[in-house]
Amino acid sequence: MNAEAEIKLLELTKARRRTTTRELADELHVQVDKLSKKIRELSEKKMISSSRGIVEMSTEQRMMLTEQLIHEGRDPQQISRLLEWQEFEEFAAESLEQNGFRKVKHLVFKSRIGRREIDLLAWNDTFLLAIDCKHWLRGLSPSRAREVALAQTERAEFLAERLDILKRHRITNVEKRSLIPVILCLGSPPETIVEGIPIVTVSKLISFLYGISPIDERIRRIPVRPQSGQSILM
């Protein structure tokens, strides 16, 4: 059955996070008993929760299964469409919060050249992160990956000038902080650092945060400082 059962599970649980083995069997045009081994394997890997013919998948389990499929060589664009955009961002936000970070989602602000948006602003006592959530980056050319990294750098640079916004969210010692742009993606990125910007798979976000060194010179840090003569923008 290859990965067809996993792909169909993602499809069936996209809207309501649950399905039945009967529904899955009907969609795959197989007998229910032929699915028992696959259901047991996925359950043992903690990628689904199964009981009495009901299969449930949490957002975390859906993210794990998605990354496994991409790692196994399935088309990242095709697989990423099986996720709702919101659950990708929500999983990242919840992971950060569970590990001691405060966060703001979809931070829209005015810059010197127009409106900009940061998908996820997250901070703790050590780090201040401007995160761009990308469904997938695998297969991007080096030039395109560089464009993505530089675009996030620009957004972070503009935000670093908005001391008023950062203070409004009660970020402590903001004047002494530096903002780290980060790109979060599905699957294995072509490079883990591009133009000084970390590119991190969603499943490795927490291990990245615990492993990053505050003095790693490979990673770009943007000092927080107001633009000279800055007026307060809304």
C-alpha atoms as a PDB file:
ATOM      1  CA  MET A   1       0.000   0.000   0.000  1.00  0.00           C
ATOM      2  CA  ASN A   2       3.162   2.113   0.146  1.00  0.00           C
ATOM      3  CA  ALA A   3       2.300   5.507   1.661  1.00  0.00           C
ATOM      4  CA  GLU A   4      -1.235   5.708   0.273  1.00  0.00           C
ATOM      5  CA  ALA A   5      -2.836   4.922   3.643  1.00  0.00           C
ATOM      6  CA  GLU A   6      -0.878   7.683   5.382  1.00  0.00           C
ATOM      7  CA  ILE A   7      -1.754  10.222   2.692  1.00  0.00           C
ATOM      8  CA  LYS A   8      -5.430   9.285   2.841  1.00  0.00           C
ATOM      9  CA  LEU A   9      -5.388   9.542   6.641  1.00  0.00           C
ATOM     10  CA  LEU A  10      -4.125  13.115   6.356  1.00  0.00           C
ATOM     11  CA  GLU A  11      -6.886  13.895   3.865  1.00  0.00           C
ATOM     12  CA  LEU A  12      -9.649  12.390   5.996  1.00  0.00           C
ATOM     13  CA  THR A  13      -8.517  14.012   9.240  1.00  0.00           C
ATOM     14  CA  LYS A  14      -7.835  17.456   7.801  1.00  0.00           C
ATOM     15  CA  ALA A  15     -11.200  18.945   8.739  1.00  0.00           C
ATOM     16  CA  ARG A  16     -12.343  16.957  11.754  1.00  0.00           C
ATOM     17  CA  ARG A  17      -9.186  15.223  13.062  1.00  0.00           C
ATOM     18  CA  ARG A  18     -10.828  11.788  13.082  1.00  0.00           C
ATOM     19  CA  THR A  19     -12.014   9.066  10.759  1.00  0.00           C
ATOM     20  CA  THR A  20     -12.854   5.366  10.932  1.00  0.00           C
ATOM     21  CA  THR A  21     -11.020   2.328   9.650  1.00  0.00           C
ATOM     22  CA  ARG A  22     -14.125   1.574   7.566  1.00  0.00           C
ATOM     23  CA  GLU A  23     -14.020   4.993   5.903  1.00  0.00           C
ATOM     24  CA  LEU A  24     -10.295   4.655   5.302  1.00  0.00           C
ATOM     25  CA  ALA A  25     -10.742   1.177   3.802  1.00  0.00           C
ATOM     26  CA  ASP A  26     -13.528   2.399   1.516  1.00  0.00           C
ATOM     27  CA  GLU A  27     -11.381   5.305   0.294  1.00  0.00           C
ATOM     28  CA  LEU A  28      -8.482   2.950  -0.418  1.00  0.00           C
ATOM     29  CA  HIS A  29     -10.754   0.246  -1.910  1.00  0.00           C
ATOM     30  CA  VAL A  30      -9.422  -2.462   0.384  1.00  0.00           C
ATOM     31  CA  GLN A  31     -10.871  -4.733   3.048  1.00  0.00           C
ATOM     32  CA  VAL A  32     -10.792  -3.444   6.633  1.00  0.00           C
ATOM     33  CA  ASP A  33      -8.726  -6.380   7.848  1.00  0.00           C
ATOM     34  CA  LYS A  34      -5.979  -5.512   5.366  1.00  0.00           C
ATOM     35  CA  LEU A  35      -5.508  -2.195   7.159  1.00  0.00           C
ATOM     36  CA  SER A  36      -4.985  -3.686  10.617  1.00  0.00           C
ATOM     37  CA  LYS A  37      -1.201  -4.008  10.286  1.00  0.00           C
ATOM     38  CA  LYS A  38      -0.808  -0.437   8.998  1.00  0.00           C
ATOM     39  CA  ILE A  39      -3.048   0.975  11.752  1.00  0.00           C
ATOM     40  CA  ARG A  40      -1.099  -0.948  14.392  1.00  0.00           C
ATOM     41  CA  GLU A  41       2.262   0.290  13.027  1.00  0.00           C
ATOM     42  CA  LEU A  42       1.148   3.929  13.004  1.00  0.00           C
ATOM     43  CA  SER A  43      -0.325   3.599  16.476  1.00  0.00           C
ATOM     44  CA  GLU A  44       2.913   2.113  17.846  1.00  0.00           C
ATOM     45  CA  LYS A  45       4.824   5.056  16.353  1.00  0.00           C
ATOM     46  CA  LYS A  46       2.400   7.426  18.158  1.00  0.00           C
ATOM     47  CA  MET A  47       1.341   8.949  14.835  1.00  0.00           C
ATOM     48  CA  ILE A  48      -2.327   8.091  15.348  1.00  0.00           C
ATOM     49  CA  SER A  49      -4.624   7.174  18.217  1.00  0.00           C
ATOM     50  CA  SER A  50      -6.805   4.168  17.400  1.00  0.00           C
ATOM     51  CA  SER A  51      -9.553   2.451  19.375  1.00  0.00           C
ATOM     52  CA  ARG A  52     -12.585   0.370  18.362  1.00  0.00           C
ATOM     53  CA  GLY A  53     -12.418   1.323  14.721  1.00  0.00           C
ATOM     54  CA  ILE A  54     -11.971   5.057  15.375  1.00  0.00           C
ATOM     55  CA  VAL A  55      -8.761   6.738  14.242  1.00  0.00           C
ATOM     56  CA  GLU A  56      -7.883  10.160  15.637  1.00  0.00           C
ATOM     57  CA  MET A  57      -4.979  12.455  14.812  1.00  0.00           C
ATOM     58  CA  SER A  58      -3.895  15.483  16.804  1.00  0.00           C
ATOM     59  CA  THR A  59      -2.176  18.418  15.129  1.00  0.00           C
ATOM     60  CA  GLU A  60       1.152  17.144  16.463  1.00  0.00           C
ATOM     61  CA  GLN A  61       0.550  13.683  15.000  1.00  0.00           C
ATOM     62  CA  ARG A  62      -0.434  15.161  11.639  1.00  0.00           C
ATOM     63  CA  MET A  63       2.760  17.215  11.578  1.00  0.00           C
ATOM     64  CA  MET A  64       4.863  14.157  12.447  1.00  0.00           C
ATOM     65  CA  LEU A  65       3.267  12.073   9.707  1.00  0.00           C
ATOM     66  CA  THR A  66       3.637  14.875   7.164  1.00  0.00           C
ATOM     67  CA  GLU A  67       7.340  15.228   7.861  1.00  0.00           C
ATOM     68  CA  GLN A  68       7.828  11.466   7.665  1.00  0.00           C
ATOM     69  CA  LEU A  69       6.219  11.375   4.227  1.00  0.00           C
ATOM     70  CA  ILE A  70       8.402  14.229   2.968  1.00  0.00           C
ATOM     71  CA  HIS A  71      11.495  12.568   4.441  1.00  0.00           C
ATOM     72  CA  GLU A  72      10.575   9.379   2.573  1.00  0.00           C
ATOM     73  CA  GLY A  73      10.581  11.287  -0.703  1.00  0.00           C
ATOM     74  CA  ARG A  74       6.973  12.259  -1.277  1.00  0.00           C
ATOM     75  CA  ASP A  75       6.374  15.544  -3.086  1.00  0.00           C
ATOM     76  CA  PRO A  76       6.571  18.323  -0.441  1.00  0.00           C
ATOM     77  CA  GLN A  77       4.128  20.543  -2.330  1.00  0.00           C
ATOM     78  CA  GLN A  78       1.547  17.764  -2.576  1.00  0.00           C
ATOM     79  CA  ILE A  79       1.920  16.700   1.041  1.00  0.00           C
ATOM     80  CA  SER A  80       1.864  20.241   2.432  1.00  0.00           C
ATOM     81  CA  ARG A  81      -1.556  20.776   0.844  1.00  0.00           C
ATOM     82  CA  LEU A  82      -2.915  18.135   3.229  1.00  0.00           C
ATOM     83  CA  LEU A  83      -2.237  20.496   6.133  1.00  0.00           C
ATOM     84  CA  GLU A  84      -4.293  23.511   7.012  1.00  0.00           C
ATOM     85  CA  TRP A  85      -2.089  26.599   7.078  1.00  0.00           C
ATOM     86  CA  GLN A  86      -3.321  27.472  10.553  1.00  0.00           C
ATOM     87  CA  GLU A  87      -2.314  24.133  12.087  1.00  0.00           C
ATOM     88  CA  PHE A  88       1.269  24.524  10.890  1.00  0.00           C
ATOM     89  CA  GLU A  89       1.564  27.895  12.626  1.00  0.00           C
ATOM     90  CA  GLU A  90      -0.447  26.772  15.641  1.00  0.00           C
ATOM     91  CA  PHE A  91       1.794  23.760  16.198  1.00  0.00           C
ATOM     92  CA  ALA A  92       4.858  25.997  16.157  1.00  0.00           C
ATOM     93  CA  ALA A  93       3.223  28.505  18.520  1.00  0.00           C
ATOM     94  CA  GLU A  94       2.144  25.812  20.976  1.00  0.00           C
ATOM     95  CA  SER A  95       5.588  24.183  20.921  1.00  0.00           C
ATOM     96  CA  LEU A  96       7.209  27.509  21.776  1.00  0.00           C
ATOM     97  CA  GLU A  97       4.722  28.261  24.531  1.00  0.00           C
ATOM     98  CA  GLN A  98       5.176  24.834  26.098  1.00  0.00           C
ATOM     99  CA  ASN A  99       8.907  25.516  26.255  1.00  0.00           C
ATOM    100  CA  GLY A 100       8.747  28.833  28.065  1.00  0.00           C
ATOM    101  CA  PHE A 101       8.331  31.287  25.203  1.00  0.00           C
ATOM    102  CA  ARG A 102       5.740  34.020  24.938  1.00  0.00           C
ATOM    103  CA  LYS A 103       4.475  34.676  21.439  1.00  0.00           C
ATOM    104  CA  VAL A 104       2.422  36.902  19.153  1.00  0.00           C
ATOM    105  CA  LYS A 105       0.985  35.500  15.917  1.00  0.00           C
ATOM    106  CA  HIS A 106       0.526  37.516  12.738  1.00  0.00           C
ATOM    107  CA  LEU A 107       2.164  40.704  13.938  1.00  0.00           C
ATOM    108  CA  VAL A 108       1.320  43.383  11.343  1.00  0.00           C
ATOM    109  CA  PHE A 109       3.124  46.700  11.586  1.00  0.00           C
ATOM    110  CA  LYS A 110       4.067  49.737   9.527  1.00  0.00           C
ATOM    111  CA  SER A 111       7.620  50.163   8.345  1.00  0.00           C
ATOM    112  CA  ARG A 112       9.352  52.975   6.489  1.00  0.00           C
ATOM    113  CA  ILE A 113       8.287  51.451   3.169  1.00  0.00           C
ATOM    114  CA  GLY A 114       4.854  50.049   3.994  1.00  0.00           C
ATOM    115  CA  ARG A 115       3.111  47.338   5.983  1.00  0.00           C
ATOM    116  CA  ARG A 116       4.996  44.215   6.991  1.00  0.00           C
ATOM    117  CA  GLU A 117       3.965  41.055   8.832  1.00  0.00           C
ATOM    118  CA  ILE A 118       5.832  38.622  11.058  1.00  0.00           C
ATOM    119  CA  ASP A 119       4.129  35.207  11.175  1.00  0.00           C
ATOM    120  CA  LEU A 120       5.282  34.501  14.712  1.00  0.00           C
ATOM    121  CA  LEU A 121       7.169  36.699  17.169  1.00  0.00           C
ATOM    122  CA  ALA A 122       8.465  34.653  20.114  1.00  0.00           C
ATOM    123  CA  TRP A 123      10.667  35.485  23.074  1.00  0.00           C
ATOM    124  CA  ASN A 124      11.994  34.304  26.421  1.00  0.00           C
ATOM    125  CA  ASP A 125      14.732  35.664  28.668  1.00  0.00           C
ATOM    126  CA  THR A 126      17.424  34.699  26.154  1.00  0.00           C
ATOM    127  CA  PHE A 127      16.029  34.872  22.635  1.00  0.00           C
ATOM    128  CA  LEU A 128      13.812  37.165  20.560  1.00  0.00           C
ATOM    129  CA  LEU A 129      12.743  35.423  17.358  1.00  0.00           C
ATOM    130  CA  ALA A 130      11.013  36.638  14.206  1.00  0.00           C
ATOM    131  CA  ILE A 131       9.706  33.435  12.595  1.00  0.00           C
ATOM    132  CA  ASP A 132       8.490  33.020   9.030  1.00  0.00           C
ATOM    133  CA  CYS A 133       6.404  29.854   8.599  1.00  0.00           C
ATOM    134  CA  LYS A 134       6.882  28.166   5.226  1.00  0.00           C
ATOM    135  CA  HIS A 135       5.056  24.969   4.355  1.00  0.00           C
ATOM    136  CA  TRP A 136       8.027  23.577   2.477  1.00  0.00           C
ATOM    137  CA  LEU A 137      11.437  24.582   1.175  1.00  0.00           C
ATOM    138  CA  ARG A 138      12.853  21.299  -0.052  1.00  0.00           C
ATOM    139  CA  GLY A 139      13.899  21.477  -3.675  1.00  0.00           C
ATOM    140  CA  LEU A 140      14.346  25.246  -3.746  1.00  0.00           C
ATOM    141  CA  SER A 141      17.303  26.499  -5.725  1.00  0.00           C
ATOM    142  CA  PRO A 142      20.057  28.200  -3.732  1.00  0.00           C
ATOM    143  CA  SER A 143      19.088  31.540  -5.271  1.00  0.00           C
ATOM    144  CA  ARG A 144      15.435  31.155  -4.261  1.00  0.00           C
ATOM    145  CA  ALA A 145      16.387  30.061  -0.728  1.00  0.00           C
ATOM    146  CA  ARG A 146      18.557  33.164  -0.511  1.00  0.00           C
ATOM    147  CA  GLU A 147      15.594  35.347  -1.574  1.00  0.00           C
ATOM    148  CA  VAL A 148      13.423  33.818   1.156  1.00  0.00           C
ATOM    149  CA  ALA A 149      16.117  34.383   3.776  1.00  0.00           C
ATOM    150  CA  LEU A 150      16.786  37.975   2.747  1.00  0.00           C
ATOM    151  CA  ALA A 151      13.066  38.802   2.721  1.00  0.00           C
ATOM    152  CA  GLN A 152      12.741  37.595   6.303  1.00  0.00           C
ATOM    153  CA  THR A 153      15.852  39.551   7.261  1.00  0.00           C
ATOM    154  CA  GLU A 154      14.283  42.711   5.868  1.00  0.00           C
ATOM    155  CA  ARG A 155      11.062  42.174   7.830  1.00  0.00           C
ATOM    156  CA  ALA A 156      13.050  41.577  11.017  1.00  0.00           C
ATOM    157  CA  GLU A 157      15.173  44.690  10.430  1.00  0.00           C
ATOM    158  CA  PHE A 158      12.077  46.838  10.115  1.00  0.00           C
ATOM    159  CA  LEU A 159      10.563  45.312  13.255  1.00  0.00           C
ATOM    160  CA  ALA A 160      13.806  45.925  15.156  1.00  0.00           C
ATOM    161  CA  GLU A 161      13.236  49.645  14.531  1.00  0.00           C
ATOM    162  CA  ARG A 162       9.780  49.505  16.132  1.00  0.00           C
ATOM    163  CA  LEU A 163      10.803  49.730  19.763  1.00  0.00           C
ATOM    164  CA  ASP A 164       7.277  50.921  20.608  1.00  0.00           C
ATOM    165  CA  ILE A 165       5.684  47.719  19.326  1.00  0.00           C
ATOM    166  CA  LEU A 166       8.116  45.458  21.157  1.00  0.00           C
ATOM    167  CA  LYS A 167       7.588  47.375  24.391  1.00  0.00           C
ATOM    168  CA  ARG A 168       3.847  47.196  23.914  1.00  0.00           C
ATOM    169  CA  HIS A 169       4.088  43.409  24.138  1.00  0.00           C
ATOM    170  CA  ARG A 170       6.059  43.724  27.382  1.00  0.00           C
ATOM    171  CA  ILE A 171       9.267  42.239  26.112  1.00  0.00           C
ATOM    172  CA  THR A 172      11.770  42.781  28.907  1.00  0.00           C
ATOM    173  CA  ASN A 173      15.075  44.620  28.426  1.00  0.00           C
ATOM    174  CA  VAL A 174      14.081  45.229  24.831  1.00  0.00           C
ATOM    175  CA  GLU A 175      16.700  47.943  24.284  1.00  0.00           C
ATOM    176  CA  LYS A 176      19.458  45.385  24.971  1.00  0.00           C
ATOM    177  CA  ARG A 177      17.994  42.700  22.756  1.00  0.00           C
ATOM    178  CA  SER A 178      18.797  41.426  19.283  1.00  0.00           C
ATOM    179  CA  LEU A 179      16.186  39.961  16.957  1.00  0.00           C
ATOM    180  CA  ILE A 180      16.954  36.629  15.278  1.00  0.00           C
ATOM    181  CA  PRO A 181      15.150  35.945  11.978  1.00  0.00           C
ATOM    182  CA  VAL A 182      14.181  32.265  11.614  1.00  0.00           C
ATOM    183  CA  ILE A 183      12.482  30.342   8.819  1.00  0.00           C
ATOM    184  CA  LEU A 184      10.386  27.351   9.870  1.00  0.00           C
ATOM    185  CA  CYS A 185       9.557  24.701   7.281  1.00  0.00           C
ATOM    186  CA  LEU A 186       8.476  21.139   6.582  1.00  0.00           C
ATOM    187  CA  GLY A 187      10.915  18.546   5.372  1.00  0.00           C
ATOM    188  CA  SER A 188      14.674  18.800   5.108  1.00  0.00           C
ATOM    189  CA  PRO A 189      15.819  22.267   3.987  1.00  0.00           C
ATOM    190  CA  PRO A 190      18.529  22.571   1.300  1.00  0.00           C
ATOM    191  CA  GLU A 191      20.751  24.315   3.857  1.00  0.00           C
ATOM    192  CA  THR A 192      20.313  24.872   7.587  1.00  0.00           C
ATOM    193  CA  ILE A 193      21.681  28.440   7.515  1.00  0.00           C
ATOM    194  CA  VAL A 194      21.255  30.777   4.529  1.00  0.00           C
ATOM    195  CA  GLU A 195      22.578  34.342   4.643  1.00  0.00           C
ATOM    196  CA  GLY A 196      22.880  33.951   8.409  1.00  0.00           C
ATOM    197  CA  ILE A 197      19.228  32.892   8.765  1.00  0.00           C
ATOM    198  CA  PRO A 198      18.514  29.513  10.425  1.00  0.00           C
ATOM    199  CA  ILE A 199      16.150  27.318   8.418  1.00  0.00           C
ATOM    200  CA  VAL A 200      14.602  24.844  10.845  1.00  0.00           C
ATOM    201  CA  THR A 201      12.201  21.961  10.295  1.00  0.00           C
ATOM    202  CA  VAL A 202       9.162  22.141  12.523  1.00  0.00           C
ATOM    203  CA  SER A 203       9.942  18.823  14.219  1.00  0.00           C
ATOM    204  CA  LYS A 204      13.394  20.123  15.228  1.00  0.00           C
ATOM    205  CA  LEU A 205      12.308  23.568  16.404  1.00  0.00           C
ATOM    206  CA  ILE A 206      12.695  22.859  20.111  1.00  0.00           C
ATOM    207  CA  SER A 207      15.991  21.013  19.765  1.00  0.00           C
ATOM    208  CA  PHE A 208      17.256  23.981  17.719  1.00  0.00           C
ATOM    209  CA  LEU A 209      16.236  26.420  20.445  1.00  0.00           C
ATOM    210  CA  TYR A 210      17.937  24.378  23.159  1.00  0.00           C
ATOM    211  CA  GLY A 211      21.031  23.877  21.023  1.00  0.00           C
ATOM    212  CA  ILE A 212      21.582  27.376  19.672  1.00  0.00           C
ATOM    213  CA  SER A 213      24.437  29.333  21.188  1.00  0.00           C
ATOM    214  CA  PRO A 214      23.895  33.004  22.046  1.00  0.00           C
ATOM    215  CA  ILE A 215      27.345  33.678  20.578  1.00  0.00           C
ATOM    216  CA  ASP A 216      27.104  31.607  17.368  1.00  0.00           C
ATOM    217  CA  GLU A 217      28.607  33.967  14.792  1.00  0.00           C
ATOM    218  CA  ARG A 218      27.001  32.127  11.880  1.00  0.00           C
ATOM    219  CA  ILE A 219      23.551  33.347  12.911  1.00  0.00           C
ATOM    220  CA  ARG A 220      22.478  36.879  12.097  1.00  0.00           C
ATOM    221  CA  ARG A 221      21.321  39.007  15.001  1.00  0.00           C
ATOM    222  CA  ILE A 222      19.653  42.370  14.453  1.00  0.00           C
ATOM    223  CA  PRO A 223      20.042  44.838  17.337  1.00  0.00           C
ATOM    224  CA  VAL A 224      16.791  46.431  18.485  1.00  0.00           C
ATOM    225  CA  ARG A 225      17.085  50.164  18.034  1.00  0.00           C
ATOM    226  CA  PRO A 226      14.593  52.826  16.949  1.00  0.00           C
ATOM    227  CA  GLN A 227      14.989  54.482  13.607  1.00  0.00           C
ATOM    228  CA  SER A 228      16.651  57.863  13.920  1.00  0.00           C
ATOM    229  CA  GLY A 229      13.966  60.493  14.325  1.00  0.00           C
ATOM    230  CA  GLN A 230      11.282  57.808  14.343  1.00  0.00           C
ATOM    231  CA  SER A 231       7.709  58.895  14.731  1.00  0.00           C
ATOM    232  CA  ILE A 232       5.290  56.505  16.357  1.00  0.00           C
ATOM    233  CA  LEU A 233       3.591  54.456  13.633  1.00  0.00           C
ATOM    234  CA  MET A 234       0.442  52.480  14.143  1.00  0.00           C
END
